[in-house]
């Protein structure tokens, strides 16, 4: 399954499995390198999903029904 088809939660679970396997230290070197590469792709994918969610959450609905970025200004 490609990352684009995964939910954030599924990608995170897959990442957790890979990390656990690597932490056990029983994975042969070549497989460990492949798993590390897969893990880094999952980290990137999850990070992008979180950024997208953050952008959607940081919107405020105006009285006219339009959305604008919500920004807390320090005064």
Protein backbone atom coordinates (compact mmCIF):
# COMPACT_ATOMS: atom_id res chain seq x y z
CA UNK A 1 0.00 0.00 0.00
CA UNK A 2 1.37 3.39 -0.94
CA UNK A 3 1.63 6.12 1.69
CA UNK A 4 -0.88 8.30 -0.19
CA UNK A 5 -3.55 5.64 0.42
CA UNK A 6 -2.83 5.27 4.15
CA UNK A 7 -4.50 7.09 6.96
CA UNK A 8 -2.29 8.92 9.40
CA UNK A 9 -3.17 6.35 12.04
CA UNK A 10 -2.23 3.39 9.84
CA UNK A 11 1.07 4.99 8.87
CA UNK A 12 1.85 5.72 12.52
CA UNK A 13 1.09 2.12 13.53
CA UNK A 14 3.36 0.84 10.76
CA UNK A 15 6.10 3.19 11.92
CA UNK A 16 5.73 1.95 15.50
CA UNK A 17 6.11 -1.67 14.34
CA UNK A 18 9.27 -0.84 12.39
CA UNK A 19 10.78 1.05 15.32
CA UNK A 20 10.05 -1.84 17.66
CA UNK A 21 11.67 -4.32 15.27
CA UNK A 22 14.76 -2.15 14.90
CA UNK A 23 15.03 -1.60 18.66
CA UNK A 24 15.04 -5.36 19.25
CA UNK A 25 18.29 -5.53 17.30
CA UNK A 26 17.54 -8.90 15.71
CA UNK A 27 17.06 -7.62 12.16
CA UNK A 28 19.93 -8.38 9.73
CA UNK A 29 21.82 -5.29 8.56
CA UNK A 30 20.45 -5.11 5.00
CA UNK A 31 16.87 -5.55 6.22
CA UNK A 32 17.47 -2.99 8.98
CA UNK A 33 18.65 -0.45 6.40
CA UNK A 34 15.54 -1.10 4.29
CA UNK A 35 13.29 -0.81 7.34
CA UNK A 36 15.03 2.41 8.38
CA UNK A 37 14.42 3.83 4.90
CA UNK A 38 10.75 2.83 5.07
CA UNK A 39 10.49 4.39 8.53
CA UNK A 40 11.92 7.69 7.29
CA UNK A 41 9.36 7.75 4.46
CA UNK A 42 6.61 7.16 7.01
CA UNK A 43 7.96 9.95 9.24
CA UNK A 44 7.87 12.33 6.28
CA UNK A 45 4.36 11.22 5.32
CA UNK A 46 3.05 11.60 8.89
CA UNK A 47 4.69 15.02 9.20
CA UNK A 48 3.04 16.20 5.99
CA UNK A 49 -0.35 14.91 7.17
CA UNK A 50 0.07 16.76 10.48
CA UNK A 51 1.01 20.00 8.71
CA UNK A 52 -2.06 19.70 6.52
CA UNK A 53 -4.28 19.08 9.53
CA UNK A 54 -2.74 22.03 11.35
CA UNK A 55 -3.47 24.33 8.41
CA UNK A 56 -7.10 23.18 8.34
CA UNK A 57 -7.51 23.59 12.08
CA UNK A 58 -5.95 27.07 12.11
CA UNK A 59 -8.81 28.61 10.17
CA UNK A 60 -11.53 30.80 11.60
CA UNK A 61 -15.02 31.10 10.17
CA UNK A 62 -15.99 34.70 9.52
CA UNK A 63 -19.56 35.94 9.99
CA UNK A 64 -19.99 35.99 6.20
CA UNK A 65 -19.13 32.27 6.00
CA UNK A 66 -15.62 32.69 4.61
CA UNK A 67 -12.54 31.13 6.16
CA UNK A 68 -9.36 32.96 7.02
CA UNK A 69 -6.18 32.01 8.77
CA UNK A 70 -6.40 32.24 12.53
CA UNK A 71 -3.43 34.10 13.92
CA UNK A 72 -2.82 35.05 17.53
CA UNK A 73 -1.02 38.37 17.54
CA UNK A 74 1.25 39.26 20.41
CA UNK A 75 0.50 42.78 21.53
